[in-house]
PDB file of N, CA and C in Angstrom:
ATOM      1  N   MET A   1     -23.579 -19.836  15.573  1.00  0.00           N
ATOM      2  CA  MET A   1     -22.760 -20.848  16.135  1.00  0.00           C
ATOM      3  C   MET A   1     -24.625 -21.721  16.751  1.00  0.00           C
ATOM      4  N   LYS A   2     -23.969 -22.810  16.638  1.00  0.00           N
ATOM      5  CA  LYS A   2     -25.575 -24.017  17.108  1.00  0.00           C
ATOM      6  C   LYS A   2     -25.085 -23.741  19.207  1.00  0.00           C
ATOM      7  N   ASN A   3     -26.442 -24.185  20.172  1.00  0.00           N
ATOM      8  CA  ASN A   3     -25.739 -24.406  21.239  1.00  0.00           C
ATOM      9  C   ASN A   3     -25.036 -25.490  21.271  1.00  0.00           C
ATOM     10  N   GLU A   4     -25.318 -27.056  19.997  1.00  0.00           N
ATOM     11  CA  GLU A   4     -24.566 -27.388  20.734  1.00  0.00           C
ATOM     12  C   GLU A   4     -23.281 -27.166  20.963  1.00  0.00           C
ATOM     13  N   ASN A   5     -22.358 -26.777  19.558  1.00  0.00           N
ATOM     14  CA  ASN A   5     -20.736 -25.751  19.353  1.00  0.00           C
ATOM     15  C   ASN A   5     -20.754 -24.929  20.029  1.00  0.00           C
ATOM     16  N   LEU A   6     -22.206 -24.106  21.210  1.00  0.00           N
ATOM     17  CA  LEU A   6     -21.843 -23.495  22.127  1.00  0.00           C
ATOM     18  C   LEU A   6     -20.879 -24.696  23.512  1.00  0.00           C
ATOM     19  N   THR A   7     -22.503 -25.597  23.756  1.00  0.00           N
ATOM     20  CA  THR A   7     -21.842 -26.724  24.346  1.00  0.00           C
ATOM     21  C   THR A   7     -20.572 -27.495  25.064  1.00  0.00           C
ATOM     22  N   GLU A   8     -19.626 -27.974  23.535  1.00  0.00           N
ATOM     23  CA  GLU A   8     -18.836 -28.588  24.031  1.00  0.00           C
ATOM     24  C   GLU A   8     -17.481 -27.279  23.497  1.00  0.00           C
ATOM     25  N   LEU A   9     -17.190 -26.542  23.084  1.00  0.00           N
ATOM     26  CA  LEU A   9     -16.803 -25.409  23.425  1.00  0.00           C
ATOM     27  C   LEU A   9     -16.299 -25.063  24.944  1.00  0.00           C
ATOM     28  N   ILE A  10     -17.676 -24.934  26.139  1.00  0.00           N
ATOM     29  CA  ILE A  10     -17.478 -24.695  27.422  1.00  0.00           C
ATOM     30  C   ILE A  10     -17.180 -25.992  27.762  1.00  0.00           C
ATOM     31  N   THR A  11     -17.817 -26.909  27.757  1.00  0.00           N
ATOM     32  CA  THR A  11     -17.635 -27.615  28.331  1.00  0.00           C
ATOM     33  C   THR A  11     -15.743 -28.489  28.589  1.00  0.00           C
ATOM     34  N   ASN A  12     -15.503 -28.120  26.923  1.00  0.00           N
ATOM     35  CA  ASN A  12     -14.036 -28.496  27.044  1.00  0.00           C
ATOM     36  C   ASN A  12     -13.775 -27.265  27.501  1.00  0.00           C
ATOM     37  N   HIS A  13     -13.648 -26.064  27.674  1.00  0.00           N
ATOM     38  CA  HIS A  13     -13.223 -25.080  28.463  1.00  0.00           C
ATOM     39  C   HIS A  13     -12.195 -24.846  27.142  1.00  0.00           C
ATOM     40  N   TRP A  14     -12.519 -24.657  26.124  1.00  0.00           N
ATOM     41  CA  TRP A  14     -11.801 -23.950  25.157  1.00  0.00           C
ATOM     42  C   TRP A  14     -10.944 -22.501  25.365  1.00  0.00           C
ATOM     43  N   PHE A  15     -12.127 -21.579  26.703  1.00  0.00           N
ATOM     44  CA  PHE A  15     -10.960 -20.437  27.152  1.00  0.00           C
ATOM     45  C   PHE A  15     -10.257 -20.596  27.328  1.00  0.00           C
ATOM     46  N   ASP A  16      -9.757 -21.580  28.060  1.00  0.00           N
ATOM     47  CA  ASP A  16      -8.430 -21.671  27.866  1.00  0.00           C
ATOM     48  C   ASP A  16      -7.124 -21.606  27.852  1.00  0.00           C
ATOM     49  N   GLN A  17      -7.350 -21.304  26.736  1.00  0.00           N
ATOM     50  CA  GLN A  17      -5.846 -21.647  25.729  1.00  0.00           C
ATOM     51  C   GLN A  17      -5.828 -20.242  25.306  1.00  0.00           C
ATOM     52  N   PHE A  18      -6.680 -18.882  25.213  1.00  0.00           N
ATOM     53  CA  PHE A  18      -6.324 -17.825  25.870  1.00  0.00           C
ATOM     54  C   PHE A  18      -5.388 -17.295  26.764  1.00  0.00           C
ATOM     55  N   GLN A  19      -5.701 -17.167  28.137  1.00  0.00           N
ATOM     56  CA  GLN A  19      -5.144 -17.708  29.373  1.00  0.00           C
ATOM     57  C   GLN A  19      -3.885 -16.572  29.656  1.00  0.00           C
ATOM     58  N   SER A  20      -2.833 -17.144  28.472  1.00  0.00           N
ATOM     59  CA  SER A  20      -1.031 -16.615  28.779  1.00  0.00           C
ATOM     60  C   SER A  20      -1.752 -15.379  28.587  1.00  0.00           C
ATOM     61  N   GLY A  21      -2.063 -15.135  27.553  1.00  0.00           N
ATOM     62  CA  GLY A  21      -1.651 -12.925  26.161  1.00  0.00           C
ATOM     63  C   GLY A  21      -3.074 -12.658  27.432  1.00  0.00           C
ATOM     64  N   LEU A  22      -4.971 -12.818  27.502  1.00  0.00           N
ATOM     65  CA  LEU A  22      -5.477 -12.358  28.121  1.00  0.00           C
ATOM     66  C   LEU A  22      -5.083 -12.028  29.662  1.00  0.00           C
ATOM     67  N   GLY A  23      -4.640 -12.512  30.243  1.00  0.00           N
ATOM     68  CA  GLY A  23      -3.293 -12.342  31.654  1.00  0.00           C
ATOM     69  C   GLY A  23      -2.384 -11.246  31.887  1.00  0.00           C
ATOM     70  N   THR A  24      -1.674 -11.238  30.725  1.00  0.00           N
ATOM     71  CA  THR A  24      -0.666 -10.518  30.459  1.00  0.00           C
ATOM     72  C   THR A  24      -1.090  -9.429  29.952  1.00  0.00           C
ATOM     73  N   ARG A  25      -1.931  -9.268  28.733  1.00  0.00           N
ATOM     74  CA  ARG A  25      -2.811  -7.738  28.519  1.00  0.00           C
ATOM     75  C   ARG A  25      -3.580  -7.246  30.431  1.00  0.00           C
ATOM     76  N   PHE A  26      -4.062  -8.025  30.911  1.00  0.00           N
ATOM     77  CA  PHE A  26      -4.819  -7.535  31.496  1.00  0.00           C
ATOM     78  C   PHE A  26      -3.687  -6.917  32.818  1.00  0.00           C
ATOM     79  N   SER A  27      -3.080  -7.681  32.872  1.00  0.00           N
ATOM     80  CA  SER A  27      -1.947  -7.519  34.210  1.00  0.00           C
ATOM     81  C   SER A  27      -1.399  -5.981  34.075  1.00  0.00           C
ATOM     82  N   ALA A  28      -0.758  -5.472  32.029  1.00  0.00           N
ATOM     83  CA  ALA A  28      -0.292  -4.877  31.853  1.00  0.00           C
ATOM     84  C   ALA A  28      -0.451  -3.217  31.966  1.00  0.00           C
ATOM     85  N   ASN A  29      -2.456  -3.790  32.528  1.00  0.00           N
ATOM     86  CA  ASN A  29      -3.259  -2.818  31.762  1.00  0.00           C
ATOM     87  C   ASN A  29      -3.953  -2.220  33.775  1.00  0.00           C
ATOM     88  N   ARG A  30      -3.365  -3.753  34.332  1.00  0.00           N
ATOM     89  CA  ARG A  30      -3.973  -2.999  36.092  1.00  0.00           C
ATOM     90  C   ARG A  30      -4.992  -3.190  36.699  1.00  0.00           C
ATOM     91  N   MET A  31      -5.668  -4.334  36.119  1.00  0.00           N
ATOM     92  CA  MET A  31      -7.107  -4.787  36.238  1.00  0.00           C
ATOM     93  C   MET A  31      -6.249  -6.142  36.369  1.00  0.00           C
ATOM     94  N   ASP A  32      -7.766  -6.966  37.617  1.00  0.00           N
ATOM     95  CA  ASP A  32      -8.441  -7.504  38.254  1.00  0.00           C
ATOM     96  C   ASP A  32      -9.085  -8.685  37.510  1.00  0.00           C
ATOM     97  N   TYR A  33      -8.661  -9.494  36.930  1.00  0.00           N
ATOM     98  CA  TYR A  33      -8.335 -10.513  36.112  1.00  0.00           C
ATOM     99  C   TYR A  33      -8.940 -12.150  36.666  1.00  0.00           C
ATOM    100  N   LYS A  34     -10.449 -12.907  36.625  1.00  0.00           N
ATOM    101  CA  LYS A  34     -10.894 -14.120  36.761  1.00  0.00           C
ATOM    102  C   LYS A  34     -11.225 -14.629  35.797  1.00  0.00           C
ATOM    103  N   TYR A  35     -11.316 -16.419  35.541  1.00  0.00           N
ATOM    104  CA  TYR A  35     -12.114 -16.971  34.428  1.00  0.00           C
ATOM    105  C   TYR A  35     -12.518 -17.732  35.509  1.00  0.00           C
ATOM    106  N   ARG A  36     -13.640 -18.488  35.021  1.00  0.00           N
ATOM    107  CA  ARG A  36     -14.221 -19.770  36.085  1.00  0.00           C
ATOM    108  C   ARG A  36     -15.365 -20.527  34.707  1.00  0.00           C
ATOM    109  N   TYR A  37     -15.319 -21.687  34.926  1.00  0.00           N
ATOM    110  CA  TYR A  37     -16.615 -22.100  34.678  1.00  0.00           C
ATOM    111  C   TYR A  37     -17.345 -22.984  35.564  1.00  0.00           C
ATOM    112  N   GLU A  38     -19.051 -22.395  35.138  1.00  0.00           N
ATOM    113  CA  GLU A  38     -19.962 -23.436  36.071  1.00  0.00           C
ATOM    114  C   GLU A  38     -20.397 -23.822  35.174  1.00  0.00           C
ATOM    115  N   LYS A  39     -21.352 -24.868  36.115  1.00  0.00           N
ATOM    116  CA  LYS A  39     -22.557 -26.181  35.435  1.00  0.00           C
ATOM    117  C   LYS A  39     -23.688 -25.846  36.628  1.00  0.00           C
ATOM    118  N   THR A  40     -24.528 -25.922  36.080  1.00  0.00           N
ATOM    119  CA  THR A  40     -25.683 -26.458  36.434  1.00  0.00           C
ATOM    120  C   THR A  40     -27.205 -27.318  36.354  1.00  0.00           C
ATOM    121  N   ASP A  41     -27.807 -27.272  36.927  1.00  0.00           N
ATOM    122  CA  ASP A  41     -29.110 -28.988  35.511  1.00  0.00           C
ATOM    123  C   ASP A  41     -29.186 -28.373  34.137  1.00  0.00           C
ATOM    124  N   SER A  42     -29.319 -26.515  35.114  1.00  0.00           N
ATOM    125  CA  SER A  42     -29.439 -25.707  33.612  1.00  0.00           C
ATOM    126  C   SER A  42     -28.796 -25.356  31.933  1.00  0.00           C
ATOM    127  N   ASN A  43     -27.451 -25.191  32.897  1.00  0.00           N
ATOM    128  CA  ASN A  43     -26.774 -25.232  31.812  1.00  0.00           C
ATOM    129  C   ASN A  43     -25.190 -25.235  31.800  1.00  0.00           C
ATOM    130  N   ASN A  44     -24.339 -24.609  31.217  1.00  0.00           N
ATOM    131  CA  ASN A  44     -23.927 -24.801  31.417  1.00  0.00           C
ATOM    132  C   ASN A  44     -22.396 -23.092  30.994  1.00  0.00           C
ATOM    133  N   SER A  45     -22.391 -22.367  31.342  1.00  0.00           N
ATOM    134  CA  SER A  45     -21.242 -21.173  30.943  1.00  0.00           C
ATOM    135  C   SER A  45     -19.688 -21.114  31.672  1.00  0.00           C
ATOM    136  N   VAL A  46     -19.004 -20.004  30.956  1.00  0.00           N
ATOM    137  CA  VAL A  46     -17.650 -19.688  31.299  1.00  0.00           C
ATOM    138  C   VAL A  46     -18.069 -17.955  32.000  1.00  0.00           C
ATOM    139  N   VAL A  47     -17.364 -17.624  32.732  1.00  0.00           N
ATOM    140  CA  VAL A  47     -17.826 -16.188  33.326  1.00  0.00           C
ATOM    141  C   VAL A  47     -16.586 -15.860  33.847  1.00  0.00           C
ATOM    142  N   VAL A  48     -16.538 -14.220  32.671  1.00  0.00           N
ATOM    143  CA  VAL A  48     -14.819 -13.547  33.457  1.00  0.00           C
ATOM    144  C   VAL A  48     -14.985 -12.419  34.233  1.00  0.00           C
ATOM    145  N   ASP A  49     -14.801 -12.269  35.159  1.00  0.00           N
ATOM    146  CA  ASP A  49     -14.773 -10.862  36.098  1.00  0.00           C
ATOM    147  C   ASP A  49     -13.267  -9.918  36.172  1.00  0.00           C
ATOM    148  N   LEU A  50     -13.713  -9.286  35.605  1.00  0.00           N
ATOM    149  CA  LEU A  50     -12.991  -7.392  35.346  1.00  0.00           C
ATOM    150  C   LEU A  50     -12.862  -6.710  35.845  1.00  0.00           C
ATOM    151  N   LYS A  51     -11.507  -6.345  36.727  1.00  0.00           N
ATOM    152  CA  LYS A  51     -12.117  -4.724  37.787  1.00  0.00           C
ATOM    153  C   LYS A  51     -11.042  -3.849  38.009  1.00  0.00           C
ATOM    154  N   LYS A  52     -10.877  -3.159  37.569  1.00  0.00           N
ATOM    155  CA  LYS A  52     -10.151  -2.127  38.252  1.00  0.00           C
ATOM    156  C   LYS A  52     -10.414  -0.746  38.776  1.00  0.00           C
ATOM    157  N   ASN A  53      -9.998  -0.410  39.550  1.00  0.00           N
ATOM    158  CA  ASN A  53     -10.174   0.942  40.474  1.00  0.00           C
ATOM    159  C   ASN A  53     -11.844   1.170  40.467  1.00  0.00           C
ATOM    160  N   GLY A  54     -11.884   0.130  40.922  1.00  0.00           N
ATOM    161  CA  GLY A  54     -13.055  -0.094  42.109  1.00  0.00           C
ATOM    162  C   GLY A  54     -14.343  -0.438  40.921  1.00  0.00           C
ATOM    163  N   ILE A  55     -14.147  -0.718  39.425  1.00  0.00           N
ATOM    164  CA  ILE A  55     -15.022  -0.927  38.741  1.00  0.00           C
ATOM    165  C   ILE A  55     -15.256  -2.091  38.114  1.00  0.00           C
ATOM    166  N   ASP A  56     -16.193  -2.723  38.873  1.00  0.00           N
ATOM    167  CA  ASP A  56     -16.682  -4.244  38.007  1.00  0.00           C
ATOM    168  C   ASP A  56     -16.977  -4.443  37.128  1.00  0.00           C
ATOM    169  N   THR A  57     -16.751  -5.408  35.995  1.00  0.00           N
ATOM    170  CA  THR A  57     -17.777  -5.958  34.816  1.00  0.00           C
ATOM    171  C   THR A  57     -17.433  -7.269  35.285  1.00  0.00           C
ATOM    172  N   ARG A  58     -18.824  -8.235  34.476  1.00  0.00           N
ATOM    173  CA  ARG A  58     -19.146  -9.243  34.569  1.00  0.00           C
ATOM    174  C   ARG A  58     -19.772  -9.644  33.053  1.00  0.00           C
ATOM    175  N   ILE A  59     -18.800 -10.745  32.604  1.00  0.00           N
ATOM    176  CA  ILE A  59     -19.531 -11.326  31.264  1.00  0.00           C
ATOM    177  C   ILE A  59     -19.376 -13.152  31.411  1.00  0.00           C
ATOM    178  N   GLU A  60     -21.061 -12.950  31.119  1.00  0.00           N
ATOM    179  CA  GLU A  60     -21.465 -14.915  31.022  1.00  0.00           C
ATOM    180  C   GLU A  60     -21.816 -15.206  29.889  1.00  0.00           C
ATOM    181  N   LEU A  61     -21.420 -16.760  29.148  1.00  0.00           N
ATOM    182  CA  LEU A  61     -21.755 -16.583  28.389  1.00  0.00           C
ATOM    183  C   LEU A  61     -22.353 -19.181  28.407  1.00  0.00           C
ATOM    184  N   THR A  62     -23.443 -18.242  28.245  1.00  0.00           N
ATOM    185  CA  THR A  62     -24.284 -19.562  28.506  1.00  0.00           C
ATOM    186  C   THR A  62     -23.952 -20.785  27.638  1.00  0.00           C
ATOM    187  N   ASP A  63     -24.415 -21.717  27.787  1.00  0.00           N
ATOM    188  CA  ASP A  63     -24.200 -22.698  25.920  1.00  0.00           C
ATOM    189  C   ASP A  63     -25.328 -23.265  25.639  1.00  0.00           C
ATOM    190  N   LYS A  64     -26.271 -21.786  26.197  1.00  0.00           N
ATOM    191  CA  LYS A  64     -27.611 -21.449  25.367  1.00  0.00           C
ATOM    192  C   LYS A  64     -27.885 -20.183  24.304  1.00  0.00           C
ATOM    193  N   GLY A  65     -26.248 -20.239  24.491  1.00  0.00           N
ATOM    194  CA  GLY A  65     -26.021 -18.612  23.600  1.00  0.00           C
ATOM    195  C   GLY A  65     -26.839 -17.583  23.917  1.00  0.00           C
ATOM    196  N   ILE A  66     -26.742 -17.304  25.721  1.00  0.00           N
ATOM    197  CA  ILE A  66     -27.010 -16.214  26.683  1.00  0.00           C
ATOM    198  C   ILE A  66     -25.956 -15.191  26.716  1.00  0.00           C
ATOM    199  N   LEU A  67     -25.640 -13.940  26.265  1.00  0.00           N
ATOM    200  CA  LEU A  67     -24.118 -13.707  27.130  1.00  0.00           C
ATOM    201  C   LEU A  67     -25.147 -12.039  27.979  1.00  0.00           C
ATOM    202  N   SER A  68     -24.281 -12.154  29.081  1.00  0.00           N
ATOM    203  CA  SER A  68     -24.491 -11.466  29.940  1.00  0.00           C
ATOM    204  C   SER A  68     -23.505 -10.464  30.069  1.00  0.00           C
ATOM    205  N   PHE A  69     -23.606  -9.206  30.555  1.00  0.00           N
ATOM    206  CA  PHE A  69     -22.899  -8.698  31.013  1.00  0.00           C
ATOM    207  C   PHE A  69     -23.361  -7.715  31.231  1.00  0.00           C
ATOM    208  N   ASP A  70     -22.671  -7.499  33.051  1.00  0.00           N
ATOM    209  CA  ASP A  70     -23.122  -6.803  34.295  1.00  0.00           C
ATOM    210  C   ASP A  70     -21.372  -5.882  34.305  1.00  0.00           C
ATOM    211  N   TYR A  71     -21.683  -4.219  35.032  1.00  0.00           N
ATOM    212  CA  TYR A  71     -20.916  -3.623  35.520  1.00  0.00           C
ATOM    213  C   TYR A  71     -21.439  -2.430  36.319  1.00  0.00           C
ATOM    214  N   SER A  72     -20.339  -2.014  36.561  1.00  0.00           N
ATOM    215  CA  SER A  72     -21.216  -0.144  37.155  1.00  0.00           C
ATOM    216  C   SER A  72     -20.512   1.031  36.585  1.00  0.00           C
ATOM    217  N   LEU A  73     -21.650   1.890  36.607  1.00  0.00           N
ATOM    218  CA  LEU A  73     -21.417   2.691  35.735  1.00  0.00           C
ATOM    219  C   LEU A  73     -21.851   3.837  36.777  1.00  0.00           C
ATOM    220  N   GLU A  74     -21.487   4.599  36.963  1.00  0.00           N
ATOM    221  CA  GLU A  74     -21.227   6.228  38.201  1.00  0.00           C
ATOM    222  C   GLU A  74     -21.788   5.890  39.194  1.00  0.00           C
ATOM    223  N   ASN A  75     -21.312   5.092  40.646  1.00  0.00           N
ATOM    224  CA  ASN A  75     -22.103   4.350  41.303  1.00  0.00           C
ATOM    225  C   ASN A  75     -23.287   3.586  41.419  1.00  0.00           C
ATOM    226  N   ARG A  76     -23.830   2.579  40.277  1.00  0.00           N
ATOM    227  CA  ARG A  76     -24.919   2.334  39.801  1.00  0.00           C
ATOM    228  C   ARG A  76     -24.421   1.124  38.887  1.00  0.00           C
ATOM    229  N   ASN A  77     -24.896   0.022  39.649  1.00  0.00           N
ATOM    230  CA  ASN A  77     -24.928  -1.105  39.257  1.00  0.00           C
ATOM    231  C   ASN A  77     -25.848  -1.703  37.633  1.00  0.00           C
ATOM    232  N   HIS A  78     -25.562  -1.930  36.569  1.00  0.00           N
ATOM    233  CA  HIS A  78     -26.140  -2.344  35.372  1.00  0.00           C
ATOM    234  C   HIS A  78     -26.275  -3.361  34.717  1.00  0.00           C
ATOM    235  N   SER A  79     -27.279  -3.674  34.699  1.00  0.00           N
ATOM    236  CA  SER A  79     -26.721  -5.923  33.919  1.00  0.00           C
ATOM    237  C   SER A  79     -27.799  -5.152  32.041  1.00  0.00           C
ATOM    238  N   GLU A  80     -26.815  -6.230  31.820  1.00  0.00           N
ATOM    239  CA  GLU A  80     -27.322  -6.344  30.039  1.00  0.00           C
ATOM    240  C   GLU A  80     -27.644  -8.298  30.196  1.00  0.00           C
ATOM    241  N   ARG A  81     -28.728  -8.793  29.190  1.00  0.00           N
ATOM    242  CA  ARG A  81     -28.420  -9.340  28.737  1.00  0.00           C
ATOM    243  C   ARG A  81     -28.602  -9.722  26.952  1.00  0.00           C
ATOM    244  N   PHE A  82     -28.646 -10.567  26.344  1.00  0.00           N
ATOM    245  CA  PHE A  82     -28.675 -10.930  25.086  1.00  0.00           C
ATOM    246  C   PHE A  82     -28.904 -12.412  24.454  1.00  0.00           C
ATOM    247  N   LYS A  83     -29.844 -12.419  23.958  1.00  0.00           N
ATOM    248  CA  LYS A  83     -30.186 -14.081  23.392  1.00  0.00           C
ATOM    249  C   LYS A  83     -28.668 -14.294  21.992  1.00  0.00           C
ATOM    250  N   ASN A  84     -28.921 -15.680  21.598  1.00  0.00           N
ATOM    251  CA  ASN A  84     -28.984 -16.247  20.881  1.00  0.00           C
ATOM    252  C   ASN A  84     -27.586 -15.658  20.170  1.00  0.00           C
ATOM    253  N   CYS A  85     -26.265 -15.452  21.358  1.00  0.00           N
ATOM    254  CA  CYS A  85     -24.853 -15.397  20.577  1.00  0.00           C
ATOM    255  C   CYS A  85     -23.633 -16.395  20.433  1.00  0.00           C
ATOM    256  N   THR A  86     -22.663 -15.371  20.135  1.00  0.00           N
ATOM    257  CA  THR A  86     -22.347 -16.573  19.835  1.00  0.00           C
ATOM    258  C   THR A  86     -20.577 -16.487  20.365  1.00  0.00           C
ATOM    259  N   GLU A  87     -19.824 -17.495  20.108  1.00  0.00           N
ATOM    260  CA  GLU A  87     -18.088 -17.313  20.990  1.00  0.00           C
ATOM    261  C   GLU A  87     -17.774 -16.326  20.314  1.00  0.00           C
ATOM    262  N   ASP A  88     -18.318 -15.958  18.892  1.00  0.00           N
ATOM    263  CA  ASP A  88     -17.329 -14.483  18.515  1.00  0.00           C
ATOM    264  C   ASP A  88     -18.010 -12.854  19.592  1.00  0.00           C
ATOM    265  N   ASP A  89     -19.215 -13.001  19.549  1.00  0.00           N
ATOM    266  CA  ASP A  89     -19.731 -12.375  20.615  1.00  0.00           C
ATOM    267  C   ASP A  89     -19.381 -12.644  22.721  1.00  0.00           C
ATOM    268  N   PHE A  90     -18.875 -12.903  22.439  1.00  0.00           N
ATOM    269  CA  PHE A  90     -17.781 -13.301  24.249  1.00  0.00           C
ATOM    270  C   PHE A  90     -16.848 -12.883  23.959  1.00  0.00           C
ATOM    271  N   HIS A  91     -16.082 -12.547  22.572  1.00  0.00           N
ATOM    272  CA  HIS A  91     -14.588 -12.417  22.544  1.00  0.00           C
ATOM    273  C   HIS A  91     -15.070 -11.089  22.659  1.00  0.00           C
ATOM    274  N   THR A  92     -15.650 -10.162  22.136  1.00  0.00           N
ATOM    275  CA  THR A  92     -15.854  -8.926  21.352  1.00  0.00           C
ATOM    276  C   THR A  92     -16.410  -7.927  22.783  1.00  0.00           C
ATOM    277  N   MET A  93     -17.384  -9.252  23.692  1.00  0.00           N
ATOM    278  CA  MET A  93     -17.850  -8.476  24.718  1.00  0.00           C
ATOM    279  C   MET A  93     -16.547  -8.365  25.801  1.00  0.00           C
ATOM    280  N   LEU A  94     -15.484  -9.168  26.032  1.00  0.00           N
ATOM    281  CA  LEU A  94     -14.753  -9.349  26.996  1.00  0.00           C
ATOM    282  C   LEU A  94     -14.196  -7.646  26.236  1.00  0.00           C
ATOM    283  N   ALA A  95     -13.458  -7.761  24.784  1.00  0.00           N
ATOM    284  CA  ALA A  95     -12.962  -6.511  23.976  1.00  0.00           C
ATOM    285  C   ALA A  95     -13.768  -4.590  24.462  1.00  0.00           C
ATOM    286  N   HIS A  96     -14.539  -5.335  24.736  1.00  0.00           N
ATOM    287  CA  HIS A  96     -15.928  -3.905  25.272  1.00  0.00           C
ATOM    288  C   HIS A  96     -15.848  -3.613  26.710  1.00  0.00           C
ATOM    289  N   ALA A  97     -15.949  -4.767  27.452  1.00  0.00           N
ATOM    290  CA  ALA A  97     -15.733  -4.472  28.973  1.00  0.00           C
ATOM    291  C   ALA A  97     -14.288  -4.102  29.713  1.00  0.00           C
ATOM    292  N   PHE A  98     -13.120  -4.550  28.229  1.00  0.00           N
ATOM    293  CA  PHE A  98     -11.772  -4.166  28.499  1.00  0.00           C
ATOM    294  C   PHE A  98     -11.498  -2.679  28.449  1.00  0.00           C
ATOM    295  N   ILE A  99     -11.584  -2.518  28.000  1.00  0.00           N
ATOM    296  CA  ILE A  99     -11.853  -1.166  26.959  1.00  0.00           C
ATOM    297  C   ILE A  99     -12.620   0.244  28.392  1.00  0.00           C
ATOM    298  N   TYR A 100     -13.746  -0.409  27.771  1.00  0.00           N
ATOM    299  CA  TYR A 100     -15.122   0.454  29.375  1.00  0.00           C
ATOM    300  C   TYR A 100     -13.847   0.699  29.902  1.00  0.00           C
ATOM    301  N   LEU A 101     -13.324  -0.637  30.792  1.00  0.00           N
ATOM    302  CA  LEU A 101     -12.307  -0.324  32.519  1.00  0.00           C
ATOM    303  C   LEU A 101     -10.965   0.524  32.304  1.00  0.00           C
ATOM    304  N   ARG A 102     -10.240   0.350  30.622  1.00  0.00           N
ATOM    305  CA  ARG A 102      -9.209   1.064  29.903  1.00  0.00           C
ATOM    306  C   ARG A 102      -9.751   2.517  29.628  1.00  0.00           C
ATOM    307  N   ASP A 103     -10.385   2.920  29.571  1.00  0.00           N
ATOM    308  CA  ASP A 103     -10.814   3.851  28.732  1.00  0.00           C
ATOM    309  C   ASP A 103     -12.118   5.156  29.353  1.00  0.00           C
ATOM    310  N   GLY A 104     -12.770   3.903  30.244  1.00  0.00           N
ATOM    311  CA  GLY A 104     -14.416   5.265  30.452  1.00  0.00           C
ATOM    312  C   GLY A 104     -15.388   5.574  29.282  1.00  0.00           C
ATOM    313  N   THR A 105     -14.784   4.197  28.596  1.00  0.00           N
ATOM    314  CA  THR A 105     -15.825   4.429  27.584  1.00  0.00           C
ATOM    315  C   THR A 105     -17.189   3.380  26.493  1.00  0.00           C
ATOM    316  N   PHE A 106     -17.879   3.205  26.749  1.00  0.00           N
ATOM    317  CA  PHE A 106     -18.749   2.170  25.642  1.00  0.00           C
ATOM    318  C   PHE A 106     -18.681   2.255  23.892  1.00  0.00           C
ATOM    319  N   ASP A 107     -17.926   3.154  23.351  1.00  0.00           N
ATOM    320  CA  ASP A 107     -18.648   4.202  22.513  1.00  0.00           C
ATOM    321  C   ASP A 107     -17.499   2.515  21.095  1.00  0.00           C
ATOM    322  N   TYR A 108     -16.545   1.930  21.509  1.00  0.00           N
ATOM    323  CA  TYR A 108     -15.573   1.473  20.396  1.00  0.00           C
ATOM    324  C   TYR A 108     -16.841   0.565  19.675  1.00  0.00           C
ATOM    325  N   HIS A 109     -17.155  -0.351  20.405  1.00  0.00           N
ATOM    326  CA  HIS A 109     -18.082  -1.154  20.271  1.00  0.00           C
ATOM    327  C   HIS A 109     -19.261  -1.224  20.105  1.00  0.00           C
ATOM    328  N   LYS A 110     -19.897   0.739  19.893  1.00  0.00           N
ATOM    329  CA  LYS A 110     -21.551   0.860  19.788  1.00  0.00           C
ATOM    330  C   LYS A 110     -22.079  -0.321  18.711  1.00  0.00           C
ATOM    331  N   ASP A 111     -21.815   0.117  17.520  1.00  0.00           N
ATOM    332  CA  ASP A 111     -22.429  -0.669  16.601  1.00  0.00           C
ATOM    333  C   ASP A 111     -22.836  -2.109  16.748  1.00  0.00           C
ATOM    334  N   TRP A 112     -21.960  -2.942  17.101  1.00  0.00           N
ATOM    335  CA  TRP A 112     -21.839  -3.838  17.375  1.00  0.00           C
ATOM    336  C   TRP A 112     -22.807  -4.424  18.405  1.00  0.00           C
ATOM    337  N   PHE A 113     -22.904  -3.848  19.773  1.00  0.00           N
ATOM    338  CA  PHE A 113     -23.210  -3.765  21.007  1.00  0.00           C
ATOM    339  C   PHE A 113     -25.361  -3.617  20.710  1.00  0.00           C
ATOM    340  N   GLU A 114     -25.384  -2.208  19.930  1.00  0.00           N
ATOM    341  CA  GLU A 114     -26.722  -1.980  19.433  1.00  0.00           C
ATOM    342  C   GLU A 114     -27.335  -3.458  18.812  1.00  0.00           C
ATOM    343  N   LYS A 115     -26.571  -3.925  17.700  1.00  0.00           N
ATOM    344  CA  LYS A 115     -27.541  -5.408  16.957  1.00  0.00           C
ATOM    345  C   LYS A 115     -27.390  -6.193  17.770  1.00  0.00           C
ATOM    346  N   LEU A 116     -26.592  -7.262  19.287  1.00  0.00           N
ATOM    347  CA  LEU A 116     -27.189  -7.830  19.930  1.00  0.00           C
ATOM    348  C   LEU A 116     -28.998  -7.618  20.071  1.00  0.00           C
ATOM    349  N   GLN A 117     -29.369  -9.067  20.042  1.00  0.00           N
ATOM    350  CA  GLN A 117     -30.619  -9.350  20.758  1.00  0.00           C
ATOM    351  C   GLN A 117     -30.941  -9.640  21.838  1.00  0.00           C
ATOM    352  N   ARG A 118     -31.987  -8.342  22.043  1.00  0.00           N
ATOM    353  CA  ARG A 118     -31.787  -8.636  23.669  1.00  0.00           C
ATOM    354  C   ARG A 118     -32.888  -8.890  24.277  1.00  0.00           C
ATOM    355  N   ILE A 119     -32.448  -8.952  25.491  1.00  0.00           N
ATOM    356  CA  ILE A 119     -33.353 -10.862  25.781  1.00  0.00           C
ATOM    357  C   ILE A 119     -34.998  -9.572  27.809  1.00  0.00           C
TER     358      ILE A 119
END
């Protein structure tokens, strides 16, 4: 997806359309869930925070295709950054974080995750 499309999606708050289903799914799994849109001079982004049992995750997709994934593991904070990401990558990362919080593993999306272009 080109950056122009990401800019349009984020600016038009495309992620709002998924809130009913996501809110129900996360609530049913006893996860705290918040999302927001951010705008700075250099980019626009959508940010999702998920938390369960004191374990935090944060996912951010910017309109420049930068996808960030922050999470805690074994009392340590980790940060992963990727470039050339799409709307689909954002949704897959959201599922990746959900499974991590629910099951405590990153195995399910391992092949997809390894193919992302790290910054």
